[in-house]
PDB file of all heavy atoms in Angstrom:
ATOM      1  N   CYS A   1      35.068 151.063  27.066  1.00  0.00           N
ATOM      2  CA  CYS A   1      35.782 152.317  27.296  1.00  0.00           C
ATOM      3  C   CYS A   1      35.681 152.722  28.760  1.00  0.00           C
ATOM      4  O   CYS A   1      34.646 152.557  29.386  1.00  0.00           O
ATOM      5  CB  CYS A   1      35.189 153.436  26.453  1.00  0.00           C
ATOM      6  SG  CYS A   1      35.336 153.178  24.692  1.00  0.00           S
ATOM      7  N   ASP A   2      36.774 153.237  29.272  1.00  0.00           N
ATOM      8  CA  ASP A   2      36.826 153.762  30.627  1.00  0.00           C
ATOM      9  C   ASP A   2      37.444 155.154  30.575  1.00  0.00           C
ATOM     10  O   ASP A   2      38.156 155.490  29.629  1.00  0.00           O
ATOM     11  CB  ASP A   2      37.700 152.870  31.522  1.00  0.00           C
ATOM     12  CG  ASP A   2      37.086 151.500  31.733  1.00  0.00           C
ATOM     13  OD1 ASP A   2      35.900 151.435  32.089  1.00  0.00           O
ATOM     14  OD2 ASP A   2      37.792 150.494  31.532  1.00  0.00           O
ATOM     15  N   PRO A   3      37.220 155.981  31.584  1.00  0.00           N
ATOM     16  CA  PRO A   3      37.872 157.292  31.618  1.00  0.00           C
ATOM     17  C   PRO A   3      39.395 157.129  31.567  1.00  0.00           C
ATOM     18  O   PRO A   3      39.950 156.229  32.201  1.00  0.00           O
ATOM     19  CB  PRO A   3      37.434 157.881  32.957  1.00  0.00           C
ATOM     20  CG  PRO A   3      36.184 157.153  33.310  1.00  0.00           C
ATOM     21  CD  PRO A   3      36.347 155.774  32.742  1.00  0.00           C
ATOM     22  N   PHE A   4      40.062 157.962  30.791  1.00  0.00           N
ATOM     23  CA  PHE A   4      41.526 157.895  30.705  1.00  0.00           C
ATOM     24  C   PHE A   4      42.153 158.316  32.025  1.00  0.00           C
ATOM     25  O   PHE A   4      43.076 157.689  32.520  1.00  0.00           O
ATOM     26  CB  PHE A   4      42.037 158.772  29.563  1.00  0.00           C
ATOM     27  CG  PHE A   4      43.531 158.762  29.443  1.00  0.00           C
ATOM     28  CD1 PHE A   4      44.205 157.611  29.048  1.00  0.00           C
ATOM     29  CD2 PHE A   4      44.286 159.882  29.754  1.00  0.00           C
ATOM     30  CE1 PHE A   4      45.587 157.577  28.956  1.00  0.00           C
ATOM     31  CE2 PHE A   4      45.664 159.862  29.659  1.00  0.00           C
ATOM     32  CZ  PHE A   4      46.315 158.707  29.253  1.00  0.00           C
ATOM     33  N   LEU A   5      41.639 159.414  32.595  1.00  0.00           N
ATOM     34  CA  LEU A   5      42.167 159.878  33.879  1.00  0.00           C
ATOM     35  C   LEU A   5      41.447 159.148  35.009  1.00  0.00           C
ATOM     36  O   LEU A   5      40.228 159.160  35.098  1.00  0.00           O
ATOM     37  CB  LEU A   5      41.989 161.380  34.034  1.00  0.00           C
ATOM     38  CG  LEU A   5      42.882 162.229  33.150  1.00  0.00           C
ATOM     39  CD1 LEU A   5      42.587 163.706  33.360  1.00  0.00           C
ATOM     40  CD2 LEU A   5      44.340 161.941  33.399  1.00  0.00           C
ATOM     41  N   ASP A   6      42.221 158.488  35.840  1.00  0.00           N
ATOM     42  CA  ASP A   6      41.680 157.789  36.994  1.00  0.00           C
ATOM     43  C   ASP A   6      42.654 157.966  38.151  1.00  0.00           C
ATOM     44  O   ASP A   6      43.597 158.754  38.068  1.00  0.00           O
ATOM     45  CB  ASP A   6      41.434 156.310  36.682  1.00  0.00           C
ATOM     46  CG  ASP A   6      42.686 155.588  36.208  1.00  0.00           C
ATOM     47  OD1 ASP A   6      43.806 156.052  36.490  1.00  0.00           O
ATOM     48  OD2 ASP A   6      42.550 154.535  35.568  1.00  0.00           O
ATOM     49  N   CYS A   7      42.472 157.239  39.229  1.00  0.00           N
ATOM     50  CA  CYS A   7      43.330 157.384  40.407  1.00  0.00           C
ATOM     51  C   CYS A   7      44.795 157.077  40.097  1.00  0.00           C
ATOM     52  O   CYS A   7      45.698 157.647  40.707  1.00  0.00           O
ATOM     53  CB  CYS A   7      42.839 156.476  41.533  1.00  0.00           C
ATOM     54  SG  CYS A   7      41.253 156.990  42.202  1.00  0.00           S
ATOM     55  N   ASP A   8      45.044 156.188  39.132  1.00  0.00           N
ATOM     56  CA  ASP A   8      46.422 155.835  38.788  1.00  0.00           C
ATOM     57  C   ASP A   8      47.103 156.884  37.906  1.00  0.00           C
ATOM     58  O   ASP A   8      48.323 156.938  37.835  1.00  0.00           O
ATOM     59  CB  ASP A   8      46.469 154.483  38.064  1.00  0.00           C
ATOM     60  CG  ASP A   8      46.039 153.333  38.961  1.00  0.00           C
ATOM     61  OD1 ASP A   8      46.280 153.417  40.190  1.00  0.00           O
ATOM     62  OD2 ASP A   8      45.450 152.374  38.440  1.00  0.00           O
ATOM     63  N   LYS A   9      46.312 157.692  37.213  1.00  0.00           N
ATOM     64  CA  LYS A   9      46.885 158.659  36.267  1.00  0.00           C
ATOM     65  C   LYS A   9      46.625 160.104  36.661  1.00  0.00           C
ATOM     66  O   LYS A   9      46.882 161.004  35.876  1.00  0.00           O
ATOM     67  CB  LYS A   9      46.314 158.401  34.877  1.00  0.00           C
ATOM     68  CG  LYS A   9      46.668 157.057  34.303  1.00  0.00           C
ATOM     69  CD  LYS A   9      46.080 156.918  32.913  1.00  0.00           C
ATOM     70  CE  LYS A   9      46.208 155.501  32.423  1.00  0.00           C
ATOM     71  NZ  LYS A   9      44.950 154.959  31.958  1.00  0.00           N
ATOM     72  N   ASN A  10      46.115 160.358  37.863  1.00  0.00           N
ATOM     73  CA  ASN A  10      45.747 161.722  38.231  1.00  0.00           C
ATOM     74  C   ASN A  10      46.953 162.641  38.443  1.00  0.00           C
ATOM     75  O   ASN A  10      46.798 163.823  38.645  1.00  0.00           O
ATOM     76  CB  ASN A  10      44.828 161.744  39.447  1.00  0.00           C
ATOM     77  CG  ASN A  10      45.493 161.239  40.709  1.00  0.00           C
ATOM     78  OD1 ASN A  10      46.686 160.939  40.724  1.00  0.00           O
ATOM     79  ND2 ASN A  10      44.714 161.140  41.771  1.00  0.00           N
ATOM     80  N   HIS A  11      48.153 162.111  38.369  1.00  0.00           N
ATOM     81  CA  HIS A  11      49.373 162.911  38.512  1.00  0.00           C
ATOM     82  C   HIS A  11      49.848 163.485  37.177  1.00  0.00           C
ATOM     83  O   HIS A  11      50.770 164.288  37.141  1.00  0.00           O
ATOM     84  CB  HIS A  11      50.496 162.033  39.078  1.00  0.00           C
ATOM     85  CG  HIS A  11      50.879 160.918  38.147  1.00  0.00           C
ATOM     86  ND1 HIS A  11      50.130 159.758  38.048  1.00  0.00           N
ATOM     87  CD2 HIS A  11      51.890 160.815  37.256  1.00  0.00           C
ATOM     88  CE1 HIS A  11      50.692 158.980  37.133  1.00  0.00           C
ATOM     89  NE2 HIS A  11      51.749 159.598  36.628  1.00  0.00           N
ATOM     90  N   MET A  12      49.209 163.076  36.075  1.00  0.00           N
ATOM     91  CA  MET A  12      49.676 163.485  34.749  1.00  0.00           C
ATOM     92  C   MET A  12      49.420 164.969  34.507  1.00  0.00           C
ATOM     93  O   MET A  12      48.381 165.502  34.896  1.00  0.00           O
ATOM     94  CB  MET A  12      48.982 162.663  33.665  1.00  0.00           C
ATOM     95  CG  MET A  12      49.321 161.182  33.734  1.00  0.00           C
ATOM     96  SD  MET A  12      48.415 160.212  32.507  1.00  0.00           S
ATOM     97  CE  MET A  12      49.353 160.647  31.036  1.00  0.00           C
ATOM     98  N   SER A  13      50.371 165.608  33.845  1.00  0.00           N
ATOM     99  CA  SER A  13      50.200 167.017  33.481  1.00  0.00           C
ATOM    100  C   SER A  13      49.257 167.108  32.278  1.00  0.00           C
ATOM    101  O   SER A  13      49.069 166.126  31.550  1.00  0.00           O
ATOM    102  CB  SER A  13      51.552 167.627  33.117  1.00  0.00           C
ATOM    103  OG  SER A  13      51.984 167.124  31.863  1.00  0.00           O
ATOM    104  N   PRO A  14      48.676 168.278  32.048  1.00  0.00           N
ATOM    105  CA  PRO A  14      47.832 168.437  30.858  1.00  0.00           C
ATOM    106  C   PRO A  14      48.571 168.082  29.563  1.00  0.00           C
ATOM    107  O   PRO A  14      47.990 167.486  28.666  1.00  0.00           O
ATOM    108  CB  PRO A  14      47.444 169.918  30.898  1.00  0.00           C
ATOM    109  CG  PRO A  14      47.481 170.256  32.352  1.00  0.00           C
ATOM    110  CD  PRO A  14      48.645 169.459  32.905  1.00  0.00           C
ATOM    111  N   ASP A  15      49.856 168.417  29.472  1.00  0.00           N
ATOM    112  CA  ASP A  15      50.624 168.079  28.271  1.00  0.00           C
ATOM    113  C   ASP A  15      50.742 166.571  28.087  1.00  0.00           C
ATOM    114  O   ASP A  15      50.664 166.065  26.975  1.00  0.00           O
ATOM    115  CB  ASP A  15      52.017 168.702  28.317  1.00  0.00           C
ATOM    116  CG  ASP A  15      51.995 170.205  28.096  1.00  0.00           C
ATOM    117  OD1 ASP A  15      51.003 170.701  27.520  1.00  0.00           O
ATOM    118  OD2 ASP A  15      52.958 170.870  28.490  1.00  0.00           O
ATOM    119  N   GLU A  16      50.929 165.826  29.184  1.00  0.00           N
ATOM    120  CA  GLU A  16      51.016 164.367  29.101  1.00  0.00           C
ATOM    121  C   GLU A  16      49.676 163.763  28.679  1.00  0.00           C
ATOM    122  O   GLU A  16      49.641 162.821  27.889  1.00  0.00           O
ATOM    123  CB  GLU A  16      51.444 163.771  30.445  1.00  0.00           C
ATOM    124  CG  GLU A  16      52.875 164.060  30.818  1.00  0.00           C
ATOM    125  CD  GLU A  16      53.197 163.595  32.230  1.00  0.00           C
ATOM    126  OE1 GLU A  16      52.488 164.001  33.174  1.00  0.00           O
ATOM    127  OE2 GLU A  16      54.157 162.823  32.365  1.00  0.00           O
ATOM    128  N   VAL A  17      48.590 164.317  29.190  1.00  0.00           N
ATOM    129  CA  VAL A  17      47.259 163.825  28.816  1.00  0.00           C
ATOM    130  C   VAL A  17      47.016 164.090  27.330  1.00  0.00           C
ATOM    131  O   VAL A  17      46.611 163.196  26.586  1.00  0.00           O
ATOM    132  CB  VAL A  17      46.163 164.485  29.678  1.00  0.00           C
ATOM    133  CG1 VAL A  17      44.782 164.115  29.173  1.00  0.00           C
ATOM    134  CG2 VAL A  17      46.332 164.092  31.138  1.00  0.00           C
ATOM    135  N   LEU A  18      47.273 165.318  26.895  1.00  0.00           N
ATOM    136  CA  LEU A  18      47.029 165.676  25.498  1.00  0.00           C
ATOM    137  C   LEU A  18      47.893 164.876  24.534  1.00  0.00           C
ATOM    138  O   LEU A  18      47.446 164.544  23.432  1.00  0.00           O
ATOM    139  CB  LEU A  18      47.246 167.173  25.289  1.00  0.00           C
ATOM    140  CG  LEU A  18      46.181 168.069  25.899  1.00  0.00           C
ATOM    141  CD1 LEU A  18      46.553 169.527  25.724  1.00  0.00           C
ATOM    142  CD2 LEU A  18      44.826 167.784  25.289  1.00  0.00           C
ATOM    143  N   ALA A  19      49.105 164.544  24.921  1.00  0.00           N
ATOM    144  CA  ALA A  19      49.992 163.773  24.040  1.00  0.00           C
ATOM    145  C   ALA A  19      49.366 162.430  23.667  1.00  0.00           C
ATOM    146  O   ALA A  19      49.627 161.898  22.582  1.00  0.00           O
ATOM    147  CB  ALA A  19      51.347 163.560  24.701  1.00  0.00           C
ATOM    148  N   ASN A  20      48.512 161.884  24.528  1.00  0.00           N
ATOM    149  CA  ASN A  20      47.851 160.614  24.248  1.00  0.00           C
ATOM    150  C   ASN A  20      46.715 160.745  23.240  1.00  0.00           C
ATOM    151  O   ASN A  20      46.192 159.744  22.775  1.00  0.00           O
ATOM    152  CB  ASN A  20      47.323 160.005  25.548  1.00  0.00           C
ATOM    153  CG  ASN A  20      48.433 159.420  26.379  1.00  0.00           C
ATOM    154  OD1 ASN A  20      48.868 158.314  26.134  1.00  0.00           O
ATOM    155  ND2 ASN A  20      48.929 160.181  27.332  1.00  0.00           N
ATOM    156  N   LEU A  21      46.321 161.960  22.923  1.00  0.00           N
ATOM    157  CA  LEU A  21      45.241 162.192  21.968  1.00  0.00           C
ATOM    158  C   LEU A  21      45.727 162.356  20.537  1.00  0.00           C
ATOM    159  O   LEU A  21      44.915 162.485  19.629  1.00  0.00           O
ATOM    160  CB  LEU A  21      44.455 163.449  22.362  1.00  0.00           C
ATOM    161  CG  LEU A  21      43.674 163.370  23.664  1.00  0.00           C
ATOM    162  CD1 LEU A  21      43.062 164.732  23.980  1.00  0.00           C
ATOM    163  CD2 LEU A  21      42.597 162.313  23.571  1.00  0.00           C
ATOM    164  N   PHE A  22      47.037 162.338  20.330  1.00  0.00           N
ATOM    165  CA  PHE A  22      47.581 162.583  18.997  1.00  0.00           C
ATOM    166  C   PHE A  22      48.309 161.370  18.462  1.00  0.00           C
ATOM    167  O   PHE A  22      48.827 160.547  19.206  1.00  0.00           O
ATOM    168  CB  PHE A  22      48.511 163.804  19.021  1.00  0.00           C
ATOM    169  CG  PHE A  22      47.769 165.097  19.222  1.00  0.00           C
ATOM    170  CD1 PHE A  22      47.450 165.541  20.493  1.00  0.00           C
ATOM    171  CD2 PHE A  22      47.363 165.849  18.139  1.00  0.00           C
ATOM    172  CE1 PHE A  22      46.746 166.718  20.687  1.00  0.00           C
ATOM    173  CE2 PHE A  22      46.659 167.027  18.317  1.00  0.00           C
ATOM    174  CZ  PHE A  22      46.354 167.466  19.589  1.00  0.00           C
ATOM    175  N   ASP A  23      48.340 161.264  17.134  1.00  0.00           N
ATOM    176  CA  ASP A  23      48.964 160.149  16.426  1.00  0.00           C
ATOM    177  C   ASP A  23      49.365 160.692  15.054  1.00  0.00           C
ATOM    178  O   ASP A  23      49.355 161.901  14.847  1.00  0.00           O
ATOM    179  CB  ASP A  23      47.928 159.018  16.293  1.00  0.00           C
ATOM    180  CG  ASP A  23      48.544 157.663  16.030  1.00  0.00           C
ATOM    181  OD1 ASP A  23      49.771 157.589  15.855  1.00  0.00           O
ATOM    182  OD2 ASP A  23      47.797 156.676  15.994  1.00  0.00           O
ATOM    183  N   VAL A  24      49.694 159.829  14.138  1.00  0.00           N
ATOM    184  CA  VAL A  24      49.939 160.239  12.758  1.00  0.00           C
ATOM    185  C   VAL A  24      48.932 159.547  11.855  1.00  0.00           C
ATOM    186  O   VAL A  24      48.499 158.424  12.125  1.00  0.00           O
ATOM    187  CB  VAL A  24      51.381 159.943  12.286  1.00  0.00           C
ATOM    188  CG1 VAL A  24      52.380 160.774  13.044  1.00  0.00           C
ATOM    189  CG2 VAL A  24      51.699 158.479  12.427  1.00  0.00           C
ATOM    190  N   ASP A  25      48.550 160.211  10.772  1.00  0.00           N
ATOM    191  CA  ASP A  25      47.611 159.617   9.831  1.00  0.00           C
ATOM    192  C   ASP A  25      48.373 158.800   8.788  1.00  0.00           C
ATOM    193  O   ASP A  25      49.592 158.635   8.888  1.00  0.00           O
ATOM    194  CB  ASP A  25      46.726 160.691   9.181  1.00  0.00           C
ATOM    195  CG  ASP A  25      47.501 161.686   8.333  1.00  0.00           C
ATOM    196  OD1 ASP A  25      48.698 161.444   8.024  1.00  0.00           O
ATOM    197  OD2 ASP A  25      46.913 162.717   7.959  1.00  0.00           O
ATOM    198  N   ASN A  26      47.660 158.283   7.790  1.00  0.00           N
ATOM    199  CA  ASN A  26      48.274 157.442   6.758  1.00  0.00           C
ATOM    200  C   ASN A  26      49.304 158.179   5.915  1.00  0.00           C
ATOM    201  O   ASN A  26      50.120 157.547   5.243  1.00  0.00           O
ATOM    202  CB  ASN A  26      47.199 156.840   5.849  1.00  0.00           C
ATOM    203  CG  ASN A  26      46.338 155.841   6.573  1.00  0.00           C
ATOM    204  OD1 ASN A  26      46.747 155.268   7.582  1.00  0.00           O
ATOM    205  ND2 ASN A  26      45.123 155.635   6.080  1.00  0.00           N
ATOM    206  N   CYS A  27      49.266 159.505   5.935  1.00  0.00           N
ATOM    207  CA  CYS A  27      50.228 160.306   5.175  1.00  0.00           C
ATOM    208  C   CYS A  27      51.409 160.758   6.027  1.00  0.00           C
ATOM    209  O   CYS A  27      52.277 161.471   5.553  1.00  0.00           O
ATOM    210  CB  CYS A  27      49.524 161.528   4.585  1.00  0.00           C
ATOM    211  SG  CYS A  27      48.203 161.114   3.449  1.00  0.00           S
ATOM    212  N   GLY A  28      51.429 160.359   7.305  1.00  0.00           N
ATOM    213  CA  GLY A  28      52.512 160.746   8.199  1.00  0.00           C
ATOM    214  C   GLY A  28      52.342 162.095   8.844  1.00  0.00           C
ATOM    215  O   GLY A  28      53.265 162.612   9.469  1.00  0.00           O
ATOM    216  N   ASN A  29      51.159 162.699   8.719  1.00  0.00           N
ATOM    217  CA  ASN A  29      50.874 163.994   9.326  1.00  0.00           C
ATOM    218  C   ASN A  29      50.345 163.811  10.744  1.00  0.00           C
ATOM    219  O   ASN A  29      49.624 162.852  11.027  1.00  0.00           O
ATOM    220  CB  ASN A  29      49.825 164.751   8.511  1.00  0.00           C
ATOM    221  CG  ASN A  29      50.308 165.069   7.122  1.00  0.00           C
ATOM    222  OD1 ASN A  29      51.390 165.600   6.939  1.00  0.00           O
ATOM    223  ND2 ASN A  29      49.506 164.728   6.119  1.00  0.00           N
ATOM    224  N   VAL A  30      50.681 164.735  11.623  1.00  0.00           N
ATOM    225  CA  VAL A  30      50.149 164.703  12.984  1.00  0.00           C
ATOM    226  C   VAL A  30      48.637 164.859  12.913  1.00  0.00           C
ATOM    227  O   VAL A  30      48.120 165.685  12.151  1.00  0.00           O
ATOM    228  CB  VAL A  30      50.762 165.832  13.840  1.00  0.00           C
ATOM    229  CG1 VAL A  30      50.101 165.891  15.207  1.00  0.00           C
ATOM    230  CG2 VAL A  30      52.260 165.624  13.986  1.00  0.00           C
ATOM    231  N   ALA A  31      47.914 164.033  13.685  1.00  0.00           N
ATOM    232  CA  ALA A  31      46.450 164.069  13.683  1.00  0.00           C
ATOM    233  C   ALA A  31      45.937 163.814  15.091  1.00  0.00           C
ATOM    234  O   ALA A  31      46.525 163.051  15.851  1.00  0.00           O
ATOM    235  CB  ALA A  31      45.902 163.006  12.735  1.00  0.00           C
ATOM    236  N   ILE A  32      44.843 164.476  15.442  1.00  0.00           N
ATOM    237  CA  ILE A  32      44.191 164.198  16.712  1.00  0.00           C
ATOM    238  C   ILE A  32      43.327 162.956  16.517  1.00  0.00           C
ATOM    239  O   ILE A  32      42.722 162.769  15.462  1.00  0.00           O
ATOM    240  CB  ILE A  32      43.361 165.404  17.203  1.00  0.00           C
ATOM    241  CG1 ILE A  32      42.898 165.188  18.642  1.00  0.00           C
ATOM    242  CG2 ILE A  32      42.201 165.707  16.292  1.00  0.00           C
ATOM    243  CD1 ILE A  32      42.369 166.428  19.317  1.00  0.00           C
ATOM    244  N   LYS A  33      43.308 162.064  17.512  1.00  0.00           N
ATOM    245  CA  LYS A  33      42.495 160.852  17.433  1.00  0.00           C
ATOM    246  C   LYS A  33      41.086 161.179  17.927  1.00  0.00           C
ATOM    247  O   LYS A  33      40.918 161.711  19.021  1.00  0.00           O
ATOM    248  CB  LYS A  33      43.095 159.736  18.285  1.00  0.00           C
ATOM    249  CG  LYS A  33      44.444 159.269  17.800  1.00  0.00           C
ATOM    250  CD  LYS A  33      44.966 158.096  18.596  1.00  0.00           C
ATOM    251  CE  LYS A  33      45.439 158.537  19.960  1.00  0.00           C
ATOM    252  NZ  LYS A  33      46.096 157.460  20.728  1.00  0.00           N
ATOM    253  N   ILE A  34      40.097 160.875  17.102  1.00  0.00           N
ATOM    254  CA  ILE A  34      38.700 161.096  17.456  1.00  0.00           C
ATOM    255  C   ILE A  34      37.998 159.750  17.363  1.00  0.00           C
ATOM    256  O   ILE A  34      38.131 159.037  16.376  1.00  0.00           O
ATOM    257  CB  ILE A  34      38.034 162.124  16.513  1.00  0.00           C
ATOM    258  CG1 ILE A  34      38.730 163.479  16.659  1.00  0.00           C
ATOM    259  CG2 ILE A  34      36.545 162.226  16.793  1.00  0.00           C
ATOM    260  CD1 ILE A  34      38.216 164.544  15.744  1.00  0.00           C
ATOM    261  N   GLY A  35      37.263 159.409  18.393  1.00  0.00           N
ATOM    262  CA  GLY A  35      36.579 158.123  18.386  1.00  0.00           C
ATOM    263  C   GLY A  35      35.355 158.139  19.257  1.00  0.00           C
ATOM    264  O   GLY A  35      34.951 159.165  19.798  1.00  0.00           O
ATOM    265  N   ASN A  36      34.759 156.972  19.369  1.00  0.00           N
ATOM    266  CA  ASN A  36      33.616 156.799  20.242  1.00  0.00           C
ATOM    267  C   ASN A  36      33.681 155.409  20.841  1.00  0.00           C
ATOM    268  O   ASN A  36      34.454 154.569  20.397  1.00  0.00           O
ATOM    269  CB  ASN A  36      32.300 157.037  19.490  1.00  0.00           C
ATOM    270  CG  ASN A  36      32.183 156.162  18.271  1.00  0.00           C
ATOM    271  OD1 ASN A  36      32.578 154.996  18.290  1.00  0.00           O
ATOM    272  ND2 ASN A  36      31.654 156.697  17.202  1.00  0.00           N
ATOM    273  N   CYS A  37      32.901 155.174  21.847  1.00  0.00           N
ATOM    274  CA  CYS A  37      32.957 153.899  22.574  1.00  0.00           C
ATOM    275  C   CYS A  37      32.028 152.839  22.006  1.00  0.00           C
ATOM    276  O   CYS A  37      32.002 151.731  22.510  1.00  0.00           O
ATOM    277  CB  CYS A  37      32.635 154.121  24.046  1.00  0.00           C
ATOM    278  SG  CYS A  37      33.963 154.945  24.920  1.00  0.00           S
ATOM    279  N   ASP A  38      31.259 153.160  20.966  1.00  0.00           N
ATOM    280  CA  ASP A  38      30.306 152.166  20.478  1.00  0.00           C
ATOM    281  C   ASP A  38      30.920 151.200  19.470  1.00  0.00           C
ATOM    282  O   ASP A  38      30.240 150.354  18.916  1.00  0.00           O
ATOM    283  CB  ASP A  38      29.051 152.822  19.919  1.00  0.00           C
ATOM    284  CG  ASP A  38      29.277 153.570  18.620  1.00  0.00           C
ATOM    285  OD1 ASP A  38      30.390 153.536  18.079  1.00  0.00           O
ATOM    286  OD2 ASP A  38      28.317 154.200  18.144  1.00  0.00           O
TER     287      ASP A  38
END
C-alpha cells in the first residue's frame, strides 16, 4: 500500500479523492470501501 495522494495526484479535488473511496456492494447499493494494508 502507498498513499493515494502523491505528487502525481495532488491536483485532485476533494470530490475526486472521495469518489475513489466508494463502490457498490453485492446488492448494488453504494458503499464506502474500508480496508487495511495487511
